């Protein structure tokens, strides 16, 4: 039987784990307007970030990408990432191990 959870029920900030297992890892990223996550990497993974609501400025290796609800960004976890919320934002982020 599947486990069904509403994204809004995952309330830890800025990261709420979706599953108890961490491979693949899935988190709900919640940021208030103006909040940002310092630059960092996720080595050994491929990353998918799906913006559910709000607006994000997603910095990848210093290159800025503005995301709107419904946008999906896919990139290597080797890249340096730093999301900044232009307005309050919620995203689902999946970290899948590379082969």
C-alpha atoms as a PDB file:
ATOM      1  CA  UNK A   1       0.000   0.000   0.000  1.00  0.00           C
ATOM      2  CA  UNK A   2       1.418   3.445  -0.861  1.00  0.00           C
ATOM      3  CA  UNK A   3       2.115   6.078   1.727  1.00  0.00           C
ATOM      4  CA  UNK A   4       0.370   9.324   0.790  1.00  0.00           C
ATOM      5  CA  UNK A   5       1.478  12.629   2.263  1.00  0.00           C
ATOM      6  CA  UNK A   6       0.428  16.176   1.421  1.00  0.00           C
ATOM      7  CA  UNK A   7       3.399  18.402   0.643  1.00  0.00           C
ATOM      8  CA  UNK A   8       1.977  20.995   3.063  1.00  0.00           C
ATOM      9  CA  UNK A   9       2.173  18.429   5.897  1.00  0.00           C
ATOM     10  CA  UNK A  10       5.977  18.395   5.597  1.00  0.00           C
ATOM     11  CA  UNK A  11       6.640  21.390   7.817  1.00  0.00           C
ATOM     12  CA  UNK A  12      10.318  21.298   8.844  1.00  0.00           C
ATOM     13  CA  UNK A  13      12.213  24.272   7.397  1.00  0.00           C
ATOM     14  CA  UNK A  14      14.059  24.830   5.253  1.00  0.00           C
ATOM     15  CA  UNK A  15      14.232  21.074   4.457  1.00  0.00           C
ATOM     16  CA  UNK A  16      11.606  18.480   5.313  1.00  0.00           C
ATOM     17  CA  UNK A  17      12.484  14.895   4.400  1.00  0.00           C
ATOM     18  CA  UNK A  18       9.804  13.155   2.318  1.00  0.00           C
ATOM     19  CA  UNK A  19      11.043   9.601   3.011  1.00  0.00           C
ATOM     20  CA  UNK A  20      12.826   8.023   5.968  1.00  0.00           C
ATOM     21  CA  UNK A  21      15.349   6.498   3.547  1.00  0.00           C
ATOM     22  CA  UNK A  22      17.885   8.937   2.167  1.00  0.00           C
ATOM     23  CA  UNK A  23      18.632   7.235  -1.181  1.00  0.00           C
ATOM     24  CA  UNK A  24      17.141   8.532  -3.263  1.00  0.00           C
ATOM     25  CA  UNK A  25      16.618  11.538  -1.032  1.00  0.00           C
ATOM     26  CA  UNK A  26      13.581  13.764  -1.469  1.00  0.00           C
ATOM     27  CA  UNK A  27      12.969  16.958   0.501  1.00  0.00           C
ATOM     28  CA  UNK A  28      10.429  19.742   0.634  1.00  0.00           C
ATOM     29  CA  UNK A  29      12.354  23.012   0.471  1.00  0.00           C
ATOM     30  CA  UNK A  30      10.468  25.932   2.012  1.00  0.00           C
ATOM     31  CA  UNK A  31      11.924  29.431   1.949  1.00  0.00           C
ATOM     32  CA  UNK A  32      10.426  32.749   3.016  1.00  0.00           C
ATOM     33  CA  UNK A  33      10.862  35.748   0.717  1.00  0.00           C
ATOM     34  CA  UNK A  34      14.495  36.826   0.762  1.00  0.00           C
ATOM     35  CA  UNK A  35      15.763  33.609   2.380  1.00  0.00           C
ATOM     36  CA  UNK A  36      18.581  31.774   0.666  1.00  0.00           C
ATOM     37  CA  UNK A  37      20.624  28.637   1.077  1.00  0.00           C
ATOM     38  CA  UNK A  38      24.402  29.238   1.002  1.00  0.00           C
ATOM     39  CA  UNK A  39      26.300  27.830  -1.993  1.00  0.00           C
ATOM     40  CA  UNK A  40      26.922  24.086  -1.670  1.00  0.00           C
ATOM     41  CA  UNK A  41      27.133  20.875  -3.699  1.00  0.00           C
ATOM     42  CA  UNK A  42      25.586  17.402  -3.597  1.00  0.00           C
ATOM     43  CA  UNK A  43      28.404  15.201  -4.945  1.00  0.00           C
ATOM     44  CA  UNK A  44      27.486  11.808  -6.346  1.00  0.00           C
ATOM     45  CA  UNK A  45      23.897  12.793  -7.184  1.00  0.00           C
ATOM     46  CA  UNK A  46      21.716  14.111  -9.940  1.00  0.00           C
ATOM     47  CA  UNK A  47      19.288  16.758  -8.692  1.00  0.00           C
ATOM     48  CA  UNK A  48      15.728  17.539  -9.781  1.00  0.00           C
ATOM     49  CA  UNK A  49      14.143  20.675  -8.295  1.00  0.00           C
ATOM     50  CA  UNK A  50      10.416  21.180  -9.002  1.00  0.00           C
ATOM     51  CA  UNK A  51       9.131  24.598  -7.925  1.00  0.00           C
ATOM     52  CA  UNK A  52       5.606  24.178  -6.587  1.00  0.00           C
ATOM     53  CA  UNK A  53       4.840  27.785  -5.652  1.00  0.00           C
ATOM     54  CA  UNK A  54       6.539  31.153  -5.303  1.00  0.00           C
ATOM     55  CA  UNK A  55       9.577  32.331  -7.290  1.00  0.00           C
ATOM     56  CA  UNK A  56      13.193  31.271  -6.884  1.00  0.00           C
ATOM     57  CA  UNK A  57      16.473  32.627  -8.143  1.00  0.00           C
ATOM     58  CA  UNK A  58      18.464  29.418  -8.562  1.00  0.00           C
ATOM     59  CA  UNK A  59      22.209  30.008  -8.763  1.00  0.00           C
ATOM     60  CA  UNK A  60      24.154  27.153 -10.403  1.00  0.00           C
ATOM     61  CA  UNK A  61      27.916  27.701 -10.475  1.00  0.00           C
ATOM     62  CA  UNK A  62      27.202  31.444 -10.158  1.00  0.00           C
ATOM     63  CA  UNK A  63      24.795  31.482 -13.129  1.00  0.00           C
ATOM     64  CA  UNK A  64      21.319  32.777 -12.195  1.00  0.00           C
ATOM     65  CA  UNK A  65      18.085  31.051 -13.270  1.00  0.00           C
ATOM     66  CA  UNK A  66      14.681  32.445 -12.261  1.00  0.00           C
ATOM     67  CA  UNK A  67      12.131  29.696 -11.659  1.00  0.00           C
ATOM     68  CA  UNK A  68       8.343  30.022 -11.602  1.00  0.00           C
ATOM     69  CA  UNK A  69       5.746  27.534 -10.323  1.00  0.00           C
ATOM     70  CA  UNK A  70       5.761  24.368 -12.409  1.00  0.00           C
ATOM     71  CA  UNK A  71       9.388  24.782 -13.550  1.00  0.00           C
ATOM     72  CA  UNK A  72      11.671  21.768 -13.172  1.00  0.00           C
ATOM     73  CA  UNK A  73      15.450  22.203 -13.012  1.00  0.00           C
ATOM     74  CA  UNK A  74      17.665  19.141 -13.567  1.00  0.00           C
ATOM     75  CA  UNK A  75      21.409  19.301 -12.926  1.00  0.00           C
ATOM     76  CA  UNK A  76      24.439  17.452 -11.594  1.00  0.00           C
ATOM     77  CA  UNK A  77      24.971  17.590  -7.855  1.00  0.00           C
ATOM     78  CA  UNK A  78      28.614  18.425  -8.618  1.00  0.00           C
ATOM     79  CA  UNK A  79      27.448  21.944  -9.533  1.00  0.00           C
ATOM     80  CA  UNK A  80      27.421  24.598  -6.812  1.00  0.00           C
ATOM     81  CA  UNK A  81      23.802  25.438  -5.976  1.00  0.00           C
ATOM     82  CA  UNK A  82      22.326  28.333  -4.029  1.00  0.00           C
ATOM     83  CA  UNK A  83      18.558  28.951  -4.161  1.00  0.00           C
ATOM     84  CA  UNK A  84      17.192  32.356  -3.061  1.00  0.00           C
ATOM     85  CA  UNK A  85      13.472  33.004  -2.648  1.00  0.00           C
ATOM     86  CA  UNK A  86      12.267  36.046  -4.581  1.00  0.00           C
ATOM     87  CA  UNK A  87       8.942  35.431  -2.847  1.00  0.00           C
ATOM     88  CA  UNK A  88       7.908  32.741  -0.370  1.00  0.00           C
ATOM     89  CA  UNK A  89       8.526  29.463  -2.186  1.00  0.00           C
ATOM     90  CA  UNK A  90       8.045  25.725  -1.885  1.00  0.00           C
ATOM     91  CA  UNK A  91       9.943  23.189  -3.973  1.00  0.00           C
ATOM     92  CA  UNK A  92      10.251  19.420  -4.073  1.00  0.00           C
ATOM     93  CA  UNK A  93      13.900  18.427  -4.494  1.00  0.00           C
ATOM     94  CA  UNK A  94      15.044  14.889  -5.381  1.00  0.00           C
ATOM     95  CA  UNK A  95      18.668  13.765  -5.066  1.00  0.00           C
ATOM     96  CA  UNK A  96      19.237  10.546  -7.065  1.00  0.00           C
ATOM     97  CA  UNK A  97      22.558   8.738  -6.706  1.00  0.00           C
ATOM     98  CA  UNK A  98      24.631   8.612  -9.873  1.00  0.00           C
ATOM     99  CA  UNK A  99      25.588   5.174 -11.167  1.00  0.00           C
END
